[in-house]
Amino acid sequence: MTKKILIILSILAPFITFYLIKFAFKLSDKKIPFLALSLTSLILLILTLVYFRLDNSFLPDTKYTPPKMENGKIKPAENN
């Protein structure tokens, strides 16, 4: 879920920042730098995807054990 949120934020962040700054300073310029915002969004998206690709929190030989019920209590997931 966190990955999906970060990917969506990397796409929308330049646009949200632009409109917040425009609103804060009450800029009346009618031009919207759509190309620059789109390129910035694309660069952030690529950086986010590269980060998730290079994130080595789990090794390939890691064994995942899902959560299970033991003696009426939930035993959390484990990575061995």
Protein backbone atom coordinates (compact mmCIF):
# COMPACT_ATOMS: atom_id res chain seq x y z
CA MET A 1 0.00 0.00 0.00
CA THR A 2 2.85 2.35 0.83
CA LYS A 3 4.38 1.75 -2.59
CA LYS A 4 1.15 2.68 -4.33
CA ILE A 5 0.83 5.88 -2.30
CA LEU A 6 4.43 6.89 -3.07
CA ILE A 7 3.97 6.24 -6.78
CA ILE A 8 0.78 8.31 -6.88
CA LEU A 9 2.45 11.11 -4.89
CA SER A 10 5.45 11.12 -7.22
CA ILE A 11 3.08 11.71 -10.12
CA LEU A 12 0.90 14.35 -8.45
CA ALA A 13 3.46 16.20 -6.30
CA PRO A 14 4.65 18.72 -8.95
CA PHE A 15 1.08 19.65 -9.88
CA ILE A 16 -0.06 20.00 -6.27
CA THR A 17 3.01 22.07 -5.39
CA PHE A 18 2.46 24.34 -8.40
CA TYR A 19 -1.17 25.03 -7.53
CA LEU A 20 -0.40 25.56 -3.83
CA ILE A 21 2.32 28.09 -4.65
CA LYS A 22 0.08 29.78 -7.21
CA PHE A 23 -2.71 29.98 -4.62
CA ALA A 24 -0.41 31.16 -1.82
CA PHE A 25 1.11 33.99 -3.82
CA LYS A 26 -2.12 34.66 -5.74
CA LEU A 27 -0.40 34.59 -9.09
CA SER A 28 -2.75 35.69 -11.83
CA ASP A 29 -0.71 34.29 -14.69
CA LYS A 30 -3.00 32.17 -16.89
CA LYS A 31 -0.18 30.02 -18.28
CA ILE A 32 0.19 26.55 -16.82
CA PRO A 33 3.63 25.01 -17.40
CA PHE A 34 2.11 21.64 -18.24
CA LEU A 35 5.19 20.30 -20.02
CA ALA A 36 7.57 21.19 -17.19
CA LEU A 37 5.21 19.76 -14.58
CA SER A 38 4.75 16.57 -16.60
CA LEU A 39 8.49 16.10 -17.03
CA THR A 40 9.10 16.68 -13.32
CA SER A 41 6.36 14.18 -12.53
CA LEU A 42 7.88 11.64 -14.90
CA ILE A 43 11.34 12.07 -13.34
CA LEU A 44 9.93 11.61 -9.83
CA LEU A 45 8.04 8.52 -10.96
CA ILE A 46 11.17 7.00 -12.47
CA LEU A 47 13.19 7.77 -9.33
CA THR A 48 10.50 6.17 -7.16
CA LEU A 49 10.38 3.03 -9.30
CA VAL A 50 14.20 2.78 -9.31
CA TYR A 51 14.21 3.12 -5.51
CA PHE A 52 11.73 0.28 -5.13
CA ARG A 53 13.67 -1.86 -7.61
CA LEU A 54 16.96 -1.37 -5.74
CA ASP A 55 15.44 -1.69 -2.26
CA ASN A 56 16.97 -4.87 -0.84
CA SER A 57 14.94 -5.31 2.32
CA PHE A 58 14.38 -9.00 1.49
CA LEU A 59 17.00 -11.29 0.05
CA PRO A 60 15.95 -13.78 -2.63
CA ASP A 61 16.45 -16.73 -0.27
CA THR A 62 14.33 -15.20 2.51
CA LYS A 63 11.56 -17.48 3.71
CA TYR A 64 8.31 -15.71 4.57
CA THR A 65 5.99 -17.20 7.17
CA PRO A 66 2.54 -15.60 7.17
CA PRO A 67 0.73 -14.66 10.38
CA LYS A 68 -0.99 -17.56 12.08
CA MET A 69 -3.13 -18.34 15.09
CA GLU A 70 -1.41 -20.09 18.02
CA ASN A 71 -3.14 -20.73 21.35
CA GLY A 72 -5.85 -18.20 20.59
CA LYS A 73 -3.38 -15.41 19.78
CA ILE A 74 -2.16 -14.13 16.46
CA LYS A 75 1.52 -14.79 15.86
CA PRO A 76 2.94 -12.06 13.53
CA ALA A 77 4.55 -12.76 10.19
CA GLU A 78 8.23 -13.69 10.13
CA ASN A 79 11.05 -13.37 7.61
CA ASN A 80 13.67 -16.05 8.12
